[in-house]
Amino acid sequence: MFVANLFTNRVNVIIMRSSMLPHGYAMKPVFSLRFSPKGQCGSTGNASRKWAFCVSGASKGIDMNKQSYPSNNRVTLQLLKELFSYDEETGLFTRIKKIKKGNKGDVITNIANSGYVFVSINHIQIGAHRLAWLYCNGELPEKGIDHINGVKHDNRIKNLRLASQSENIQNYKKPNKNNKAGMLGAYSKNNVWQSQICINRKLVYLGRFKTPEEANKAYLDAKRLLHPFNTL
């Protein structure tokens, strides 16, 4: 994602590695390119051309060769347990060490607009579901995490399972916001209700129907047969 800030004789471009973030991490700037007239770039720029560019970190001390999300070396089980306790029955994290912006005993319950709970560790927002997996299994998951019951803030360990992005999508329980019927798999085209399902990244047409309920039933029947990760 490129965000450009235009002003007199200068362009700032902030590059966001949103596509490189694993499931459950908040997006953050990686670095910026500043395009300036020749001679205004400083020692890091290329002043041999009329317009040069400088590269600067989005925050102090950033290493642009490193990933913009925490690695296992930065967020460890030991560090997590030094800062928080985790209740497997409720799925909630409780702060056990006072920090500048958090008190001992604080329960992390804030739900983001995405529906997930995020926990801040070393100024990095990490999905509570990923940290729950780390707490109980000793390592951050390499794959994504699926909430089995579809409730994104229910981080009980029994409600979490490893899943690829396509497996996670198989467990969607609600239609997207653009679905006029309000039913999974049902859509109208030329005033005719139809249905289709995605299998291995390919759309499979399920037919035409008289009502959205019939289209939805056809979709659910196919989903239960062809989407092994669904829980409907």
Protein backbone atom coordinates (compact mmCIF):
# COMPACT_ATOMS: atom_id res chain seq x y z
CA MET A 1 0.00 0.00 0.00
CA PHE A 2 1.42 3.40 -0.95
CA VAL A 3 0.39 6.57 0.85
CA ALA A 4 1.68 9.74 -0.79
CA ASN A 5 1.94 13.12 0.88
CA LEU A 6 2.37 15.89 -1.69
CA PHE A 7 3.68 19.33 -0.88
CA THR A 8 5.98 21.98 -2.39
CA ASN A 9 8.93 20.38 -4.19
CA ARG A 10 8.76 17.20 -2.13
CA VAL A 11 6.92 13.89 -2.09
CA ASN A 12 6.75 11.55 0.89
CA VAL A 13 5.80 7.94 0.14
CA ILE A 14 5.12 5.61 3.03
CA ILE A 15 5.22 1.93 2.13
CA MET A 16 2.98 -0.33 4.18
CA ARG A 17 3.64 -4.06 4.10
CA SER A 18 -0.01 -4.95 4.61
CA SER A 19 0.16 -7.88 2.19
CA MET A 20 3.08 -9.40 4.10
CA LEU A 21 1.42 -9.39 7.51
CA PRO A 22 0.23 -12.71 8.87
CA HIS A 23 -3.28 -13.04 10.17
CA GLY A 24 -3.64 -11.22 13.48
CA TYR A 25 -1.13 -8.39 13.21
CA ALA A 26 -1.87 -4.70 12.97
CA MET A 27 -0.48 -2.88 9.93
CA LYS A 28 2.40 -0.43 10.51
CA PRO A 29 4.66 1.67 8.25
CA VAL A 30 7.89 -0.01 7.19
CA PHE A 31 9.82 2.87 5.67
CA SER A 32 9.37 6.04 3.67
CA LEU A 33 10.92 7.40 0.51
CA ARG A 34 11.38 11.14 0.37
CA PHE A 35 11.85 12.59 -3.09
CA SER A 36 13.60 15.97 -2.96
CA PRO A 37 15.28 18.38 -5.37
CA LYS A 38 18.98 17.82 -5.92
CA GLY A 39 21.11 18.83 -2.97
CA GLN A 40 18.34 18.63 -0.33
CA CYS A 41 18.59 14.94 0.36
CA GLY A 42 21.63 14.80 2.62
CA SER A 43 24.26 12.12 2.80
CA THR A 44 21.83 9.21 2.29
CA GLY A 45 20.41 10.51 -0.97
CA ASN A 46 21.56 10.32 -4.54
CA ALA A 47 22.35 13.93 -5.50
CA SER A 48 23.66 13.07 -8.96
CA ARG A 49 20.24 13.54 -10.52
CA LYS A 50 17.85 16.45 -10.62
CA TRP A 51 15.50 14.62 -8.29
CA ALA A 52 16.87 12.28 -5.65
CA PHE A 53 15.35 10.09 -3.01
CA CYS A 54 16.16 9.42 0.61
CA VAL A 55 15.06 6.37 2.58
CA SER A 56 14.18 6.82 6.20
CA GLY A 57 12.70 4.49 8.80
CA ALA A 58 9.13 5.07 9.88
CA SER A 59 10.26 4.97 13.51
CA LYS A 60 13.55 5.33 15.34
CA GLY A 61 15.86 2.37 15.05
CA ILE A 62 13.85 0.53 12.40
CA ASP A 63 15.76 -2.05 10.41
CA MET A 64 14.24 -2.17 6.93
CA ASN A 65 15.70 -5.63 6.32
CA LYS A 66 13.55 -7.03 9.11
CA GLN A 67 9.88 -7.94 8.94
CA SER A 68 7.38 -5.38 10.19
CA TYR A 69 5.77 -7.84 12.57
CA PRO A 70 7.18 -9.65 15.61
CA SER A 71 9.32 -12.71 15.07
CA ASN A 72 9.59 -15.56 17.54
CA ASN A 73 12.83 -13.97 18.75
CA ARG A 74 11.06 -10.76 19.76
CA VAL A 75 7.91 -12.16 21.37
CA THR A 76 8.70 -15.28 23.32
CA LEU A 77 6.73 -17.39 25.74
CA GLN A 78 8.97 -16.17 28.55
CA LEU A 79 8.32 -12.51 27.72
CA LEU A 80 4.59 -13.11 27.38
CA LYS A 81 4.37 -14.83 30.78
CA GLU A 82 6.39 -12.06 32.39
CA LEU A 83 3.77 -9.54 31.29
CA PHE A 84 0.45 -11.40 31.26
CA SER A 85 -1.46 -14.34 32.62
CA TYR A 86 -3.92 -16.18 30.40
CA ASP A 87 -7.14 -17.91 31.43
CA GLU A 88 -7.92 -20.85 29.15
CA GLU A 89 -11.55 -20.94 30.31
CA THR A 90 -12.33 -17.28 29.50
CA GLY A 91 -9.69 -16.63 26.82
CA LEU A 92 -8.70 -13.37 28.53
CA PHE A 93 -5.25 -11.94 29.21
CA THR A 94 -4.56 -10.12 32.49
CA ARG A 95 -1.59 -7.83 33.01
CA ILE A 96 0.64 -9.03 35.87
CA LYS A 97 3.29 -6.32 35.56
CA LYS A 98 2.72 -2.57 35.70
CA ILE A 99 3.98 -0.57 32.73
CA LYS A 100 3.75 3.10 31.77
CA LYS A 101 0.38 2.73 30.04
CA GLY A 102 -1.01 -0.26 31.88
CA ASN A 103 -1.67 -1.30 35.46
CA LYS A 104 -1.20 -4.65 37.11
CA GLY A 105 -4.53 -6.48 37.09
CA ASP A 106 -5.82 -4.88 33.87
CA VAL A 107 -7.84 -7.36 31.81
CA ILE A 108 -7.41 -6.94 28.06
CA THR A 109 -10.94 -6.76 26.67
CA ASN A 110 -10.88 -3.99 24.06
CA ILE A 111 -12.29 -5.24 20.76
CA ALA A 112 -10.99 -3.59 17.58
CA ASN A 113 -13.20 -2.66 14.63
CA SER A 114 -12.07 -5.88 12.97
CA GLY A 115 -13.69 -7.85 15.80
CA TYR A 116 -10.37 -9.12 17.20
CA VAL A 117 -8.75 -8.39 20.55
CA PHE A 118 -5.20 -7.05 20.32
CA VAL A 119 -2.54 -7.07 23.03
CA SER A 120 0.33 -4.57 23.06
CA ILE A 121 3.83 -5.97 23.67
CA ASN A 122 6.83 -3.70 23.17
CA HIS A 123 4.63 -1.20 21.32
CA ILE A 124 3.46 -3.85 18.85
CA GLN A 125 -0.20 -4.85 18.56
CA ILE A 126 -0.59 -8.63 18.33
CA GLY A 127 -3.81 -10.61 18.06
CA ALA A 128 -4.78 -12.13 21.41
CA HIS A 129 -5.67 -15.36 19.61
CA ARG A 130 -2.07 -15.71 18.39
CA LEU A 131 -0.73 -15.02 21.88
CA ALA A 132 -3.14 -17.56 23.36
CA TRP A 133 -1.67 -20.14 21.02
CA LEU A 134 1.85 -19.12 22.07
CA TYR A 135 0.91 -19.30 25.76
CA CYS A 136 -0.52 -22.81 25.50
CA ASN A 137 1.73 -24.32 22.82
CA GLY A 138 5.05 -22.58 23.38
CA GLU A 139 5.38 -20.97 19.95
CA LEU A 140 3.68 -18.45 17.72
CA PRO A 141 1.70 -20.17 14.95
CA GLU A 142 3.21 -20.14 11.48
CA LYS A 143 -0.25 -20.44 9.94
CA GLY A 144 -3.34 -18.40 10.67
CA ILE A 145 -5.72 -19.07 13.56
CA ASP A 146 -9.39 -19.89 13.06
CA HIS A 147 -12.03 -19.15 15.71
CA ILE A 148 -14.11 -22.30 15.52
CA ASN A 149 -17.38 -20.71 16.65
CA GLY A 150 -16.83 -17.68 14.40
CA VAL A 151 -16.59 -15.22 17.31
CA LYS A 152 -13.36 -13.32 16.73
CA HIS A 153 -12.96 -12.12 20.32
CA ASP A 154 -13.56 -15.56 21.86
CA ASN A 155 -9.95 -16.55 22.50
CA ARG A 156 -10.46 -19.63 24.64
CA ILE A 157 -7.83 -22.12 23.54
CA LYS A 158 -10.51 -24.75 22.81
CA ASN A 159 -12.04 -22.31 20.31
CA LEU A 160 -8.79 -21.88 18.37
CA ARG A 161 -7.24 -24.05 15.66
CA LEU A 162 -4.52 -23.67 13.06
CA ALA A 163 -5.86 -22.80 9.62
CA SER A 164 -4.68 -21.48 6.30
CA GLN A 165 -6.45 -18.43 4.87
CA SER A 166 -8.64 -20.59 2.62
CA GLU A 167 -9.53 -22.90 5.53
CA ASN A 168 -10.40 -19.88 7.64
CA ILE A 169 -12.73 -18.58 4.95
CA GLN A 170 -14.49 -21.96 4.83
CA ASN A 171 -15.71 -21.29 8.37
CA TYR A 172 -17.42 -17.98 7.58
CA LYS A 173 -20.88 -18.08 9.13
CA LYS A 174 -22.28 -14.76 7.93
CA PRO A 175 -22.67 -13.27 4.45
CA ASN A 176 -20.63 -10.22 3.51
CA LYS A 177 -22.15 -6.77 3.99
CA ASN A 178 -22.97 -6.44 0.27
CA ASN A 179 -25.22 -9.50 0.28
CA LYS A 180 -28.75 -8.12 -0.26
CA ALA A 181 -30.44 -11.36 0.75
CA GLY A 182 -28.62 -11.57 4.06
CA MET A 183 -28.01 -15.27 3.41
CA LEU A 184 -24.81 -17.14 2.66
CA GLY A 185 -24.43 -18.12 -0.98
CA ALA A 186 -27.58 -16.40 -2.24
CA TYR A 187 -27.40 -13.55 -4.73
CA SER A 188 -29.67 -12.00 -7.31
CA LYS A 189 -28.72 -11.44 -10.96
CA ASN A 190 -31.22 -10.23 -13.54
CA ASN A 191 -33.95 -10.69 -10.92
CA VAL A 192 -33.12 -14.38 -10.61
CA TRP A 193 -31.74 -15.92 -7.41
CA GLN A 194 -28.55 -17.86 -7.95
CA SER A 195 -25.80 -19.49 -5.92
CA GLN A 196 -22.15 -20.39 -6.28
CA ILE A 197 -19.38 -21.68 -4.04
CA CYS A 198 -15.60 -21.35 -4.09
CA ILE A 199 -13.62 -24.59 -4.25
CA ASN A 200 -9.82 -24.43 -4.44
CA ARG A 201 -10.01 -20.76 -5.47
CA LYS A 202 -12.44 -21.53 -8.29
CA LEU A 203 -16.13 -20.58 -8.36
CA VAL A 204 -18.52 -23.47 -8.90
CA TYR A 205 -21.99 -22.51 -10.11
CA LEU A 206 -24.80 -24.17 -8.15
CA GLY A 207 -27.81 -23.09 -10.19
CA ARG A 208 -30.82 -20.75 -10.40
CA PHE A 209 -33.58 -20.70 -7.78
CA LYS A 210 -37.00 -19.21 -7.19
CA THR A 211 -36.22 -17.85 -3.71
CA PRO A 212 -33.13 -16.78 -1.75
CA GLU A 213 -33.92 -19.50 0.78
CA GLU A 214 -33.56 -22.17 -1.91
CA ALA A 215 -30.27 -20.65 -3.09
CA ASN A 216 -29.01 -20.54 0.50
CA LYS A 217 -29.96 -24.19 1.09
CA ALA A 218 -28.11 -25.29 -2.05
CA TYR A 219 -25.06 -23.37 -0.90
CA LEU A 220 -25.12 -24.83 2.62
CA ASP A 221 -25.55 -28.38 1.29
CA ALA A 222 -22.51 -27.90 -0.95
CA LYS A 223 -20.56 -26.20 1.82
CA ARG A 224 -21.08 -29.05 4.27
CA LEU A 225 -19.87 -31.47 1.61
CA LEU A 226 -16.98 -29.52 0.11
CA HIS A 227 -15.71 -27.24 2.91
CA PRO A 228 -14.23 -29.54 5.58
CA PHE A 229 -13.37 -26.61 7.89
CA ASN A 230 -16.94 -25.29 8.09
CA THR A 231 -18.87 -25.78 11.33
CA LEU A 232 -22.41 -25.01 10.11
